[in-house]
C-alpha atoms as a PDB file:
ATOM      1  CA  MET A   1      19.994  -1.184  21.588  1.00  0.00           C
ATOM      2  CA  SER A   2      16.268  -1.733  22.269  1.00  0.00           C
ATOM      3  CA  GLU A   3      15.415   1.878  21.330  1.00  0.00           C
ATOM      4  CA  ASN A   4      17.047   1.424  17.928  1.00  0.00           C
ATOM      5  CA  LEU A   5      15.132  -1.841  17.397  1.00  0.00           C
ATOM      6  CA  ILE A   6      11.834  -0.161  18.288  1.00  0.00           C
ATOM      7  CA  ARG A   7      12.578   2.700  15.876  1.00  0.00           C
ATOM      8  CA  ALA A   8      13.504   0.192  13.162  1.00  0.00           C
ATOM      9  CA  PHE A   9      10.244  -1.739  13.657  1.00  0.00           C
ATOM     10  CA  GLU A  10       8.240   1.519  13.575  1.00  0.00           C
ATOM     11  CA  MET A  11       9.902   2.517  10.270  1.00  0.00           C
ATOM     12  CA  LEU A  12       9.328  -1.005   8.902  1.00  0.00           C
ATOM     13  CA  GLY A  13       5.657  -0.881   9.909  1.00  0.00           C
ATOM     14  CA  GLN A  14       5.155   2.524   8.295  1.00  0.00           C
ATOM     15  CA  GLY A  15       6.860   1.253   5.118  1.00  0.00           C
ATOM     16  CA  MET A  16       4.626  -1.828   4.968  1.00  0.00           C
ATOM     17  CA  LEU A  17       1.508   0.316   5.545  1.00  0.00           C
ATOM     18  CA  GLY A  18       2.600   2.609   2.724  1.00  0.00           C
ATOM     19  CA  ILE A  19       3.168  -0.345   0.395  1.00  0.00           C
ATOM     20  CA  PHE A  20      -0.274  -1.810   1.201  1.00  0.00           C
ATOM     21  CA  VAL A  21      -1.931   1.590   0.629  1.00  0.00           C
ATOM     22  CA  VAL A  22      -0.206   1.965  -2.753  1.00  0.00           C
ATOM     23  CA  LEU A  23      -1.136  -1.603  -3.764  1.00  0.00           C
ATOM     24  CA  GLY A  24      -4.740  -0.970  -2.707  1.00  0.00           C
ATOM     25  CA  LEU A  25      -4.918   2.235  -4.778  1.00  0.00           C
ATOM     26  CA  ILE A  26      -3.456   0.436  -7.814  1.00  0.00           C
ATOM     27  CA  ALA A  27      -5.994  -2.397  -7.400  1.00  0.00           C
ATOM     28  CA  LEU A  28      -8.860   0.128  -7.221  1.00  0.00           C
ATOM     29  CA  LEU A  29      -7.574   1.881 -10.353  1.00  0.00           C
ATOM     30  CA  VAL A  30      -7.378  -1.452 -12.212  1.00  0.00           C
ATOM     31  CA  VAL A  31     -10.962  -2.368 -11.197  1.00  0.00           C
ATOM     32  CA  LEU A  32     -12.242   1.074 -12.230  1.00  0.00           C
ATOM     33  CA  MET A  33     -10.435   0.843 -15.594  1.00  0.00           C
ATOM     34  CA  GLN A  34     -11.928  -2.601 -16.206  1.00  0.00           C
ATOM     35  CA  LYS A  35     -15.454  -1.373 -15.392  1.00  0.00           C
ATOM     36  CA  LEU A  36     -15.061   1.695 -17.640  1.00  0.00           C
ATOM     37  CA  GLY A  37     -13.548  -0.442 -20.403  1.00  0.00           C
ATOM     38  CA  SER A  38     -16.332  -3.055 -20.299  1.00  0.00           C
ATOM     39  CA  LYS A  39     -19.028  -0.373 -20.814  1.00  0.00           C
ATOM     40  CA  LYS A  40     -17.605   0.384 -24.249  1.00  0.00           C
END
């Protein structure tokens, strides 16, 4: 029972890390697009 819970929490943690990484990349892309767009 505890082993399954630990595995579930590890998968959940990896999923959350992945989501934060993707959100961070999207935020960086948005900032870069805004900077490139403002130069025009």
